Amino acid sequence: MSKIVNTLLAAAIAAATSLTTGTAAHAQNILTVVVPDWTGGQISCQILANGIESELGYKVKRLEIPSGAATLEAMAADDAHVGCELWPSYYPVKDKFFAEYGGDGSLTLYGEHGVVGASSYYVPRYLIEGDDAPAPDLVHFRDLTNHVDLFKSVDSGDKGRLIGCPNANWECEDQARADAYGVPFQAVELGSEAAHWAEMQGAFARGEAFVAYAWEPHWIHADLDLVRLELDDYGDGSCWPGCGWPVDVTMNYGRTDLAEKHPEVSSFVQNSFLSNEEQNVMVLAVDIDGRDLEEVVNEWMEANADRVMAWAQ
């Protein structure tokens, strides 16, 4: 009998301990913030995650996954709770999750992030301006058709070479766009931002012809003198991918139930704001000066402590 009593007592203690531990873990308010796979987005979301920790006392996990559909799907599955700097034109599946775009409402836009982005294809200015410029009439993306030979390479054969988005998850549709415009170019994907910018810098230093995808804001425009090629207006989106990207007013976002379960967090996310100019300085420090990203973020947060504190009000 004593063995039975002792066994039951031990089981009761174990159950109580388990319950206490689970309650304590819940009380810790653990949230997961999605961190994007480009430097500017990483900086923005690290600032947001750090602020949720320092100002609201939450424990924040950073989830680093390729941006795009996977990000929204993970959040809809409750594997993540908060995200920042969503570029609407790079998330075609947004109409599945956001009520604002006709979706099921499982995810919500929690206000403008601050960064305003624009995307296109760029060529070096020396190709189109100056007495010796080989392509002075190159203004619109479709004008590339007149200069195929200028952009040919070993790997593009009899077509011109187009340096497309560095990551397929961004769903830029570079090849589909070239085909829609009837531009005989072969789109190549270099697989990483580092390789993408390095190729552009190397070609620029050698004075070679290249056309490459890029976006603003970005430090590349301070490093290289580039000219944006025109693309047809995005309009209502029905032209995609036979047109350009819309201007992206980037958004902070998260699970819709965040506002009910953690209203102070949803308020903080909604209040947070980072401008193009602020982000550019930090991206330059990380990508060009080689500084540690966390160090740069912490330095910014120390310099803007009062502002971050106000986000929590």
C-alpha atoms as a PDB file:
ATOM      1  CA  MET A   1       0.000   0.000   0.000  1.00  0.00           C
ATOM      2  CA  SER A   2       2.802   2.392   0.927  1.00  0.00           C
ATOM      3  CA  LYS A   3       4.373   1.790  -2.492  1.00  0.00           C
ATOM      4  CA  ILE A   4       1.091   2.657  -4.183  1.00  0.00           C
ATOM      5  CA  VAL A   5       0.701   5.822  -2.093  1.00  0.00           C
ATOM      6  CA  ASN A   6       4.283   6.843  -2.824  1.00  0.00           C
ATOM      7  CA  THR A   7       3.764   6.213  -6.544  1.00  0.00           C
ATOM      8  CA  LEU A   8       0.591   8.281  -6.611  1.00  0.00           C
ATOM      9  CA  LEU A   9       2.247  11.043  -4.618  1.00  0.00           C
ATOM     10  CA  ALA A  10       5.206  11.127  -7.001  1.00  0.00           C
ATOM     11  CA  ALA A  11       2.866  11.276  -9.977  1.00  0.00           C
ATOM     12  CA  ALA A  12       0.938  14.128  -8.390  1.00  0.00           C
ATOM     13  CA  ILE A  13       4.116  16.064  -7.693  1.00  0.00           C
ATOM     14  CA  ALA A  14       5.324  15.470 -11.258  1.00  0.00           C
ATOM     15  CA  ALA A  15       2.004  16.669 -12.675  1.00  0.00           C
ATOM     16  CA  ALA A  16       2.040  19.756 -10.471  1.00  0.00           C
ATOM     17  CA  THR A  17       5.612  20.507 -11.479  1.00  0.00           C
ATOM     18  CA  SER A  18       4.737  20.085 -15.157  1.00  0.00           C
ATOM     19  CA  LEU A  19       1.737  22.394 -14.801  1.00  0.00           C
ATOM     20  CA  THR A  20       3.801  24.990 -12.964  1.00  0.00           C
ATOM     21  CA  THR A  21       6.543  24.850 -15.577  1.00  0.00           C
ATOM     22  CA  GLY A  22       4.050  25.173 -18.438  1.00  0.00           C
ATOM     23  CA  THR A  23       2.310  28.102 -16.750  1.00  0.00           C
ATOM     24  CA  ALA A  24       5.635  29.797 -16.121  1.00  0.00           C
ATOM     25  CA  ALA A  25       6.643  29.338 -19.745  1.00  0.00           C
ATOM     26  CA  HIS A  26       3.356  30.853 -20.883  1.00  0.00           C
ATOM     27  CA  ALA A  27       3.822  33.740 -18.486  1.00  0.00           C
ATOM     28  CA  GLN A  28       7.187  34.486 -20.050  1.00  0.00           C
ATOM     29  CA  ASN A  29       5.345  35.681 -23.170  1.00  0.00           C
ATOM     30  CA  ILE A  30       7.503  34.038 -25.782  1.00  0.00           C
ATOM     31  CA  LEU A  31       6.984  35.328 -29.323  1.00  0.00           C
ATOM     32  CA  THR A  32       8.641  34.568 -32.645  1.00  0.00           C
ATOM     33  CA  VAL A  33       9.644  37.337 -35.036  1.00  0.00           C
ATOM     34  CA  VAL A  34      10.407  36.529 -38.670  1.00  0.00           C
ATOM     35  CA  VAL A  35      13.759  37.926 -39.810  1.00  0.00           C
ATOM     36  CA  PRO A  36      14.024  38.418 -43.610  1.00  0.00           C
ATOM     37  CA  ASP A  37      16.900  37.274 -45.794  1.00  0.00           C
ATOM     38  CA  TRP A  38      18.191  40.660 -46.954  1.00  0.00           C
ATOM     39  CA  THR A  39      20.332  43.044 -44.934  1.00  0.00           C
ATOM     40  CA  GLY A  40      17.871  45.930 -44.709  1.00  0.00           C
ATOM     41  CA  GLY A  41      15.064  43.644 -43.581  1.00  0.00           C
ATOM     42  CA  GLN A  42      17.338  41.914 -41.091  1.00  0.00           C
ATOM     43  CA  ILE A  43      18.233  45.272 -39.565  1.00  0.00           C
ATOM     44  CA  SER A  44      14.601  46.387 -39.397  1.00  0.00           C
ATOM     45  CA  CYS A  45      13.356  43.197 -37.778  1.00  0.00           C
ATOM     46  CA  GLN A  46      16.246  42.972 -35.314  1.00  0.00           C
ATOM     47  CA  ILE A  47      15.352  46.474 -34.141  1.00  0.00           C
ATOM     48  CA  LEU A  48      11.730  45.404 -33.766  1.00  0.00           C
ATOM     49  CA  ALA A  49      12.603  42.169 -31.931  1.00  0.00           C
ATOM     50  CA  ASN A  50      15.092  43.891 -29.639  1.00  0.00           C
ATOM     51  CA  GLY A  51      12.544  46.562 -28.808  1.00  0.00           C
ATOM     52  CA  ILE A  52       9.838  44.019 -27.934  1.00  0.00           C
ATOM     53  CA  GLU A  53      12.334  42.427 -25.545  1.00  0.00           C
ATOM     54  CA  SER A  54      13.734  45.582 -23.969  1.00  0.00           C
ATOM     55  CA  GLU A  55      10.552  47.646 -23.722  1.00  0.00           C
ATOM     56  CA  LEU A  56       7.856  44.999 -23.219  1.00  0.00           C
ATOM     57  CA  GLY A  57       9.789  42.252 -21.422  1.00  0.00           C
ATOM     58  CA  TYR A  58       9.041  39.481 -23.895  1.00  0.00           C
ATOM     59  CA  LYS A  59      11.351  36.680 -24.868  1.00  0.00           C
ATOM     60  CA  VAL A  60      11.697  36.805 -28.641  1.00  0.00           C
ATOM     61  CA  LYS A  61      12.827  34.010 -30.927  1.00  0.00           C
ATOM     62  CA  ARG A  62      14.200  35.008 -34.328  1.00  0.00           C
ATOM     63  CA  LEU A  63      13.012  32.827 -37.204  1.00  0.00           C
ATOM     64  CA  GLU A  64      15.231  33.185 -40.264  1.00  0.00           C
ATOM     65  CA  ILE A  65      13.639  31.650 -43.350  1.00  0.00           C
ATOM     66  CA  PRO A  66      13.614  32.639 -47.044  1.00  0.00           C
ATOM     67  CA  SER A  67      11.243  35.530 -47.628  1.00  0.00           C
ATOM     68  CA  GLY A  68       8.137  34.992 -49.679  1.00  0.00           C
ATOM     69  CA  ALA A  69       5.271  32.532 -49.409  1.00  0.00           C
ATOM     70  CA  ALA A  70       7.054  30.436 -46.765  1.00  0.00           C
ATOM     71  CA  THR A  71       7.088  33.398 -44.380  1.00  0.00           C
ATOM     72  CA  LEU A  72       3.346  33.935 -44.526  1.00  0.00           C
ATOM     73  CA  GLU A  73       2.586  30.227 -44.384  1.00  0.00           C
ATOM     74  CA  ALA A  74       4.720  29.821 -41.259  1.00  0.00           C
ATOM     75  CA  MET A  75       2.906  32.685 -39.587  1.00  0.00           C
ATOM     76  CA  ALA A  76      -0.522  31.409 -40.562  1.00  0.00           C
ATOM     77  CA  ALA A  77       0.456  28.045 -39.025  1.00  0.00           C
ATOM     78  CA  ASP A  78       1.303  29.830 -35.749  1.00  0.00           C
ATOM     79  CA  ASP A  79       5.030  29.104 -36.095  1.00  0.00           C
ATOM     80  CA  ALA A  80       5.668  32.859 -36.020  1.00  0.00           C
ATOM     81  CA  HIS A  81       3.785  35.866 -34.734  1.00  0.00           C
ATOM     82  CA  VAL A  82       5.330  39.123 -35.986  1.00  0.00           C
ATOM     83  CA  GLY A  83       7.026  40.280 -39.170  1.00  0.00           C
ATOM     84  CA  CYS A  84       8.284  43.581 -40.494  1.00  0.00           C
ATOM     85  CA  GLU A  85       9.099  45.309 -43.770  1.00  0.00           C
ATOM     86  CA  LEU A  86       6.738  43.321 -45.949  1.00  0.00           C
ATOM     87  CA  TRP A  87       7.045  44.448 -49.582  1.00  0.00           C
ATOM     88  CA  PRO A  88       3.518  43.774 -50.912  1.00  0.00           C
ATOM     89  CA  SER A  89       4.571  43.290 -54.543  1.00  0.00           C
ATOM     90  CA  TYR A  90       6.919  40.449 -53.559  1.00  0.00           C
ATOM     91  CA  TYR A  91       4.217  38.412 -51.838  1.00  0.00           C
ATOM     92  CA  PRO A  92       1.764  37.197 -54.501  1.00  0.00           C
ATOM     93  CA  VAL A  93       0.130  34.890 -51.912  1.00  0.00           C
ATOM     94  CA  LYS A  94      -0.836  37.851 -49.726  1.00  0.00           C
ATOM     95  CA  ASP A  95      -4.393  37.517 -51.048  1.00  0.00           C
ATOM     96  CA  LYS A  96      -4.591  34.153 -49.284  1.00  0.00           C
ATOM     97  CA  PHE A  97      -3.931  35.438 -45.749  1.00  0.00           C
ATOM     98  CA  PHE A  98      -4.582  39.198 -45.457  1.00  0.00           C
ATOM     99  CA  ALA A  99      -8.162  40.450 -45.370  1.00  0.00           C
ATOM    100  CA  GLU A 100      -6.835  43.729 -46.785  1.00  0.00           C
ATOM    101  CA  TYR A 101      -6.052  41.828 -49.998  1.00  0.00           C
ATOM    102  CA  GLY A 102      -9.128  39.567 -49.967  1.00  0.00           C
ATOM    103  CA  GLY A 103      -7.643  36.731 -47.889  1.00  0.00           C
ATOM    104  CA  ASP A 104      -8.947  34.734 -44.946  1.00  0.00           C
ATOM    105  CA  GLY A 105      -7.862  37.320 -42.374  1.00  0.00           C
ATOM    106  CA  SER A 106      -5.467  35.059 -40.480  1.00  0.00           C
ATOM    107  CA  LEU A 107      -2.782  37.733 -40.867  1.00  0.00           C
ATOM    108  CA  THR A 108      -3.056  41.496 -40.419  1.00  0.00           C
ATOM    109  CA  LEU A 109      -1.118  44.547 -41.552  1.00  0.00           C
ATOM    110  CA  TYR A 110      -0.108  46.461 -38.428  1.00  0.00           C
ATOM    111  CA  GLY A 111       0.899  49.742 -40.031  1.00  0.00           C
ATOM    112  CA  GLU A 112       3.539  51.227 -42.304  1.00  0.00           C
ATOM    113  CA  HIS A 113       7.096  50.218 -41.565  1.00  0.00           C
ATOM    114  CA  GLY A 114       8.607  53.439 -42.944  1.00  0.00           C
ATOM    115  CA  VAL A 115      10.788  52.145 -45.763  1.00  0.00           C
ATOM    116  CA  VAL A 116       9.370  52.929 -49.203  1.00  0.00           C
ATOM    117  CA  GLY A 117      10.779  50.694 -51.903  1.00  0.00           C
ATOM    118  CA  ALA A 118      11.034  50.700 -55.677  1.00  0.00           C
ATOM    119  CA  SER A 119      12.374  47.946 -57.924  1.00  0.00           C
ATOM    120  CA  SER A 120      13.510  47.827 -61.547  1.00  0.00           C
ATOM    121  CA  TYR A 121      16.437  46.928 -63.799  1.00  0.00           C
ATOM    122  CA  TYR A 122      19.475  49.194 -63.891  1.00  0.00           C
ATOM    123  CA  VAL A 123      22.368  49.838 -66.279  1.00  0.00           C
ATOM    124  CA  PRO A 124      25.574  51.824 -65.685  1.00  0.00           C
ATOM    125  CA  ARG A 125      25.307  55.445 -66.764  1.00  0.00           C
ATOM    126  CA  TYR A 126      28.341  55.130 -69.024  1.00  0.00           C
ATOM    127  CA  LEU A 127      26.282  52.941 -71.378  1.00  0.00           C
ATOM    128  CA  ILE A 128      23.752  55.649 -72.153  1.00  0.00           C
ATOM    129  CA  GLU A 129      25.469  59.003 -71.516  1.00  0.00           C
ATOM    130  CA  GLY A 130      28.649  60.515 -72.902  1.00  0.00           C
ATOM    131  CA  ASP A 131      30.200  60.882 -76.357  1.00  0.00           C
ATOM    132  CA  ASP A 132      31.234  57.217 -76.508  1.00  0.00           C
ATOM    133  CA  ALA A 133      28.058  55.763 -74.945  1.00  0.00           C
ATOM    134  CA  PRO A 134      27.119  52.628 -76.936  1.00  0.00           C
ATOM    135  CA  ALA A 135      23.382  52.719 -76.122  1.00  0.00           C
ATOM    136  CA  PRO A 136      22.165  56.326 -75.819  1.00  0.00           C
ATOM    137  CA  ASP A 137      18.621  55.292 -76.781  1.00  0.00           C
ATOM    138  CA  LEU A 138      18.316  52.764 -73.943  1.00  0.00           C
ATOM    139  CA  VAL A 139      15.503  54.188 -71.823  1.00  0.00           C
ATOM    140  CA  HIS A 140      12.810  51.522 -71.472  1.00  0.00           C
ATOM    141  CA  PHE A 141      13.268  47.844 -70.653  1.00  0.00           C
ATOM    142  CA  ARG A 142      11.987  46.893 -74.106  1.00  0.00           C
ATOM    143  CA  ASP A 143      14.797  48.958 -75.673  1.00  0.00           C
ATOM    144  CA  LEU A 144      17.180  46.167 -74.644  1.00  0.00           C
ATOM    145  CA  THR A 145      16.002  44.399 -77.800  1.00  0.00           C
ATOM    146  CA  ASN A 146      18.075  46.882 -79.824  1.00  0.00           C
ATOM    147  CA  HIS A 147      21.266  46.059 -77.923  1.00  0.00           C
ATOM    148  CA  VAL A 148      21.348  42.298 -77.511  1.00  0.00           C
ATOM    149  CA  ASP A 149      24.920  42.015 -78.789  1.00  0.00           C
ATOM    150  CA  LEU A 150      26.104  44.521 -76.195  1.00  0.00           C
ATOM    151  CA  PHE A 151      24.873  42.290 -73.352  1.00  0.00           C
ATOM    152  CA  LYS A 152      25.798  38.848 -74.687  1.00  0.00           C
ATOM    153  CA  SER A 153      27.960  36.564 -72.576  1.00  0.00           C
ATOM    154  CA  VAL A 154      29.389  33.063 -72.769  1.00  0.00           C
ATOM    155  CA  ASP A 155      26.547  31.588 -70.730  1.00  0.00           C
ATOM    156  CA  SER A 156      23.721  33.445 -72.518  1.00  0.00           C
ATOM    157  CA  GLY A 157      24.520  32.255 -76.041  1.00  0.00           C
ATOM    158  CA  ASP A 158      22.875  34.366 -78.730  1.00  0.00           C
ATOM    159  CA  LYS A 159      20.769  36.192 -76.125  1.00  0.00           C
ATOM    160  CA  GLY A 160      21.604  39.071 -73.873  1.00  0.00           C
ATOM    161  CA  ARG A 161      22.343  38.380 -70.221  1.00  0.00           C
ATOM    162  CA  LEU A 162      20.013  39.759 -67.574  1.00  0.00           C
ATOM    163  CA  ILE A 163      21.128  39.600 -63.943  1.00  0.00           C
ATOM    164  CA  GLY A 164      17.822  38.863 -62.248  1.00  0.00           C
ATOM    165  CA  CYS A 165      16.732  38.700 -58.620  1.00  0.00           C
ATOM    166  CA  PRO A 166      19.333  36.953 -56.456  1.00  0.00           C
ATOM    167  CA  ASN A 167      16.723  34.702 -54.834  1.00  0.00           C
ATOM    168  CA  ALA A 168      13.940  32.727 -56.531  1.00  0.00           C
ATOM    169  CA  ASN A 169      11.740  33.057 -53.421  1.00  0.00           C
ATOM    170  CA  TRP A 170      11.279  36.738 -54.215  1.00  0.00           C
ATOM    171  CA  GLU A 171       9.259  35.697 -57.278  1.00  0.00           C
ATOM    172  CA  CYS A 172      10.513  38.530 -59.494  1.00  0.00           C
ATOM    173  CA  GLU A 173       9.599  36.638 -62.688  1.00  0.00           C
ATOM    174  CA  ASP A 174      12.616  38.050 -64.558  1.00  0.00           C
ATOM    175  CA  GLN A 175      12.541  35.550 -67.416  1.00  0.00           C
ATOM    176  CA  ALA A 176       8.770  35.741 -67.742  1.00  0.00           C
ATOM    177  CA  ARG A 177       9.018  39.532 -67.927  1.00  0.00           C
ATOM    178  CA  ALA A 178      11.690  39.444 -70.625  1.00  0.00           C
ATOM    179  CA  ASP A 179       9.569  36.978 -72.600  1.00  0.00           C
ATOM    180  CA  ALA A 180       6.423  39.083 -72.168  1.00  0.00           C
ATOM    181  CA  TYR A 181       8.234  42.132 -73.558  1.00  0.00           C
ATOM    182  CA  GLY A 182       9.760  40.108 -76.367  1.00  0.00           C
ATOM    183  CA  VAL A 183      13.229  40.950 -75.091  1.00  0.00           C
ATOM    184  CA  PRO A 184      15.643  38.159 -76.171  1.00  0.00           C
ATOM    185  CA  PHE A 185      17.556  37.959 -72.909  1.00  0.00           C
ATOM    186  CA  GLN A 186      18.455  35.068 -70.622  1.00  0.00           C
ATOM    187  CA  ALA A 187      17.783  35.796 -66.949  1.00  0.00           C
ATOM    188  CA  VAL A 188      20.368  34.422 -64.526  1.00  0.00           C
ATOM    189  CA  GLU A 189      19.998  34.013 -60.781  1.00  0.00           C
ATOM    190  CA  LEU A 190      23.240  34.276 -58.789  1.00  0.00           C
ATOM    191  CA  GLY A 191      21.807  32.772 -55.606  1.00  0.00           C
ATOM    192  CA  SER A 192      22.819  35.366 -53.035  1.00  0.00           C
ATOM    193  CA  GLU A 193      22.913  39.107 -52.528  1.00  0.00           C
ATOM    194  CA  ALA A 194      26.675  38.988 -52.032  1.00  0.00           C
ATOM    195  CA  ALA A 195      27.229  37.391 -55.436  1.00  0.00           C
ATOM    196  CA  HIS A 196      24.685  39.707 -57.056  1.00  0.00           C
ATOM    197  CA  TRP A 197      26.285  42.956 -55.928  1.00  0.00           C
ATOM    198  CA  ALA A 198      29.823  41.656 -56.425  1.00  0.00           C
ATOM    199  CA  GLU A 199      29.069  40.855 -60.066  1.00  0.00           C
ATOM    200  CA  MET A 200      27.664  44.327 -60.654  1.00  0.00           C
ATOM    201  CA  GLN A 201      30.621  45.987 -58.939  1.00  0.00           C
ATOM    202  CA  GLY A 202      33.132  43.923 -60.891  1.00  0.00           C
ATOM    203  CA  ALA A 203      31.497  44.656 -64.245  1.00  0.00           C
ATOM    204  CA  PHE A 204      31.259  48.357 -63.389  1.00  0.00           C
ATOM    205  CA  ALA A 205      34.945  48.508 -62.431  1.00  0.00           C
ATOM    206  CA  ARG A 206      35.858  46.969 -65.798  1.00  0.00           C
ATOM    207  CA  GLY A 207      33.566  49.318 -67.701  1.00  0.00           C
ATOM    208  CA  GLU A 208      31.512  46.425 -69.073  1.00  0.00           C
ATOM    209  CA  ALA A 209      27.901  46.405 -70.180  1.00  0.00           C
ATOM    210  CA  PHE A 210      25.412  44.831 -67.778  1.00  0.00           C
ATOM    211  CA  VAL A 211      21.751  45.104 -66.876  1.00  0.00           C
ATOM    212  CA  ALA A 212      20.704  43.988 -63.431  1.00  0.00           C
ATOM    213  CA  TYR A 213      17.794  43.891 -61.071  1.00  0.00           C
ATOM    214  CA  ALA A 214      18.122  46.219 -58.078  1.00  0.00           C
ATOM    215  CA  TRP A 215      15.929  48.120 -55.690  1.00  0.00           C
ATOM    216  CA  GLU A 216      15.805  51.308 -53.712  1.00  0.00           C
ATOM    217  CA  PRO A 217      16.719  52.086 -51.001  1.00  0.00           C
ATOM    218  CA  HIS A 218      20.086  50.327 -51.235  1.00  0.00           C
ATOM    219  CA  TRP A 219      23.746  51.196 -50.795  1.00  0.00           C
ATOM    220  CA  ILE A 220      24.530  50.031 -54.353  1.00  0.00           C
ATOM    221  CA  HIS A 221      23.226  53.342 -55.703  1.00  0.00           C
ATOM    222  CA  ALA A 222      25.757  55.233 -53.614  1.00  0.00           C
ATOM    223  CA  ASP A 223      28.557  52.949 -54.771  1.00  0.00           C
ATOM    224  CA  LEU A 224      27.751  52.752 -58.498  1.00  0.00           C
ATOM    225  CA  ASP A 225      26.311  55.356 -60.886  1.00  0.00           C
ATOM    226  CA  LEU A 226      23.277  53.475 -62.187  1.00  0.00           C
ATOM    227  CA  VAL A 227      20.273  54.468 -64.277  1.00  0.00           C
ATOM    228  CA  ARG A 228      16.872  52.850 -63.853  1.00  0.00           C
ATOM    229  CA  LEU A 229      15.188  51.463 -66.962  1.00  0.00           C
ATOM    230  CA  GLU A 230      11.524  52.291 -67.334  1.00  0.00           C
ATOM    231  CA  LEU A 231       8.880  49.572 -67.116  1.00  0.00           C
ATOM    232  CA  ASP A 232       5.164  49.761 -67.861  1.00  0.00           C
ATOM    233  CA  ASP A 233       3.073  50.848 -64.894  1.00  0.00           C
ATOM    234  CA  TYR A 234       1.860  48.092 -62.598  1.00  0.00           C
ATOM    235  CA  GLY A 235      -1.701  49.450 -62.507  1.00  0.00           C
ATOM    236  CA  ASP A 236      -4.128  46.958 -60.976  1.00  0.00           C
ATOM    237  CA  GLY A 237      -1.614  44.116 -61.299  1.00  0.00           C
ATOM    238  CA  SER A 238      -3.340  42.352 -64.189  1.00  0.00           C
ATOM    239  CA  CYS A 239      -0.307  43.054 -66.394  1.00  0.00           C
ATOM    240  CA  TRP A 240       2.119  41.087 -64.183  1.00  0.00           C
ATOM    241  CA  PRO A 241       4.758  40.036 -65.043  1.00  0.00           C
ATOM    242  CA  GLY A 242       4.604  42.024 -68.280  1.00  0.00           C
ATOM    243  CA  CYS A 243       5.112  45.291 -66.414  1.00  0.00           C
ATOM    244  CA  GLY A 244       7.078  46.792 -63.547  1.00  0.00           C
ATOM    245  CA  TRP A 245       6.675  46.563 -59.801  1.00  0.00           C
ATOM    246  CA  PRO A 246       4.431  48.938 -57.899  1.00  0.00           C
ATOM    247  CA  VAL A 247       6.080  51.307 -55.467  1.00  0.00           C
ATOM    248  CA  ASP A 248       6.127  49.394 -52.203  1.00  0.00           C
ATOM    249  CA  VAL A 249       5.058  51.124 -49.012  1.00  0.00           C
ATOM    250  CA  THR A 250       6.441  48.430 -46.729  1.00  0.00           C
ATOM    251  CA  MET A 251       4.342  47.172 -43.836  1.00  0.00           C
ATOM    252  CA  ASN A 252       4.736  45.593 -40.428  1.00  0.00           C
ATOM    253  CA  TYR A 253       2.473  42.596 -40.032  1.00  0.00           C
ATOM    254  CA  GLY A 254       1.559  39.652 -37.836  1.00  0.00           C
ATOM    255  CA  ARG A 255      -1.054  37.162 -36.793  1.00  0.00           C
ATOM    256  CA  THR A 256      -4.498  38.692 -36.455  1.00  0.00           C
ATOM    257  CA  ASP A 257      -4.926  37.255 -32.950  1.00  0.00           C
ATOM    258  CA  LEU A 258      -1.823  39.176 -31.841  1.00  0.00           C
ATOM    259  CA  ALA A 259      -3.989  42.238 -31.134  1.00  0.00           C
ATOM    260  CA  GLU A 260      -6.170  40.215 -28.744  1.00  0.00           C
ATOM    261  CA  LYS A 261      -3.517  38.088 -27.049  1.00  0.00           C
ATOM    262  CA  HIS A 262      -0.718  40.627 -26.912  1.00  0.00           C
ATOM    263  CA  PRO A 263      -2.201  44.103 -27.513  1.00  0.00           C
ATOM    264  CA  GLU A 264       0.916  45.848 -26.220  1.00  0.00           C
ATOM    265  CA  VAL A 265       2.977  44.043 -28.861  1.00  0.00           C
ATOM    266  CA  SER A 266       0.621  44.857 -31.716  1.00  0.00           C
ATOM    267  CA  SER A 267       0.676  48.500 -30.600  1.00  0.00           C
ATOM    268  CA  PHE A 268       4.484  48.496 -30.489  1.00  0.00           C
ATOM    269  CA  VAL A 269       4.667  46.955 -33.962  1.00  0.00           C
ATOM    270  CA  GLN A 270       2.232  49.530 -35.282  1.00  0.00           C
ATOM    271  CA  ASN A 271       4.175  52.447 -33.772  1.00  0.00           C
ATOM    272  CA  SER A 272       7.645  51.382 -34.912  1.00  0.00           C
ATOM    273  CA  PHE A 273       9.069  53.266 -37.882  1.00  0.00           C
ATOM    274  CA  LEU A 274      12.362  53.349 -39.790  1.00  0.00           C
ATOM    275  CA  SER A 275      13.111  55.627 -42.743  1.00  0.00           C
ATOM    276  CA  ASN A 276      14.999  54.839 -45.955  1.00  0.00           C
ATOM    277  CA  GLU A 277      17.816  57.136 -44.900  1.00  0.00           C
ATOM    278  CA  GLU A 278      18.230  55.497 -41.492  1.00  0.00           C
ATOM    279  CA  GLN A 279      18.273  52.025 -42.944  1.00  0.00           C
ATOM    280  CA  ASN A 280      20.714  52.991 -45.715  1.00  0.00           C
ATOM    281  CA  VAL A 281      23.305  54.133 -43.194  1.00  0.00           C
ATOM    282  CA  MET A 282      23.103  50.858 -41.285  1.00  0.00           C
ATOM    283  CA  VAL A 283      23.126  48.689 -44.434  1.00  0.00           C
ATOM    284  CA  LEU A 284      26.212  50.535 -45.644  1.00  0.00           C
ATOM    285  CA  ALA A 285      27.912  49.879 -42.300  1.00  0.00           C
ATOM    286  CA  VAL A 286      27.153  46.135 -42.516  1.00  0.00           C
ATOM    287  CA  ASP A 287      27.520  45.339 -46.206  1.00  0.00           C
ATOM    288  CA  ILE A 288      30.331  47.725 -47.160  1.00  0.00           C
ATOM    289  CA  ASP A 289      32.209  48.513 -43.966  1.00  0.00           C
ATOM    290  CA  GLY A 290      31.953  44.918 -42.772  1.00  0.00           C
ATOM    291  CA  ARG A 291      30.606  45.711 -39.334  1.00  0.00           C
ATOM    292  CA  ASP A 292      28.614  43.206 -37.285  1.00  0.00           C
ATOM    293  CA  LEU A 293      24.879  43.620 -37.859  1.00  0.00           C
ATOM    294  CA  GLU A 294      23.909  43.212 -34.202  1.00  0.00           C
ATOM    295  CA  GLU A 295      26.506  45.768 -33.183  1.00  0.00           C
ATOM    296  CA  VAL A 296      25.148  48.281 -35.711  1.00  0.00           C
ATOM    297  CA  VAL A 297      21.563  47.659 -34.564  1.00  0.00           C
ATOM    298  CA  ASN A 298      22.484  48.020 -30.883  1.00  0.00           C
ATOM    299  CA  GLU A 299      24.322  51.244 -31.626  1.00  0.00           C
ATOM    300  CA  TRP A 300      21.244  52.659 -33.376  1.00  0.00           C
ATOM    301  CA  MET A 301      18.982  51.599 -30.525  1.00  0.00           C
ATOM    302  CA  GLU A 302      21.193  53.256 -27.931  1.00  0.00           C
ATOM    303  CA  ALA A 303      21.198  56.477 -29.954  1.00  0.00           C
ATOM    304  CA  ASN A 304      17.394  56.293 -30.332  1.00  0.00           C
ATOM    305  CA  ALA A 305      16.453  54.918 -26.922  1.00  0.00           C
ATOM    306  CA  ASP A 306      13.785  57.558 -26.245  1.00  0.00           C
ATOM    307  CA  ARG A 307      12.188  56.946 -29.616  1.00  0.00           C
ATOM    308  CA  VAL A 308      12.050  53.176 -29.126  1.00  0.00           C
ATOM    309  CA  MET A 309      10.608  53.696 -25.660  1.00  0.00           C
ATOM    310  CA  ALA A 310       7.874  55.887 -27.191  1.00  0.00           C
ATOM    311  CA  TRP A 311       6.858  53.035 -29.496  1.00  0.00           C
ATOM    312  CA  ALA A 312       5.689  51.184 -26.381  1.00  0.00           C
ATOM    313  CA  GLN A 313       3.355  53.975 -25.287  1.00  0.00           C
END
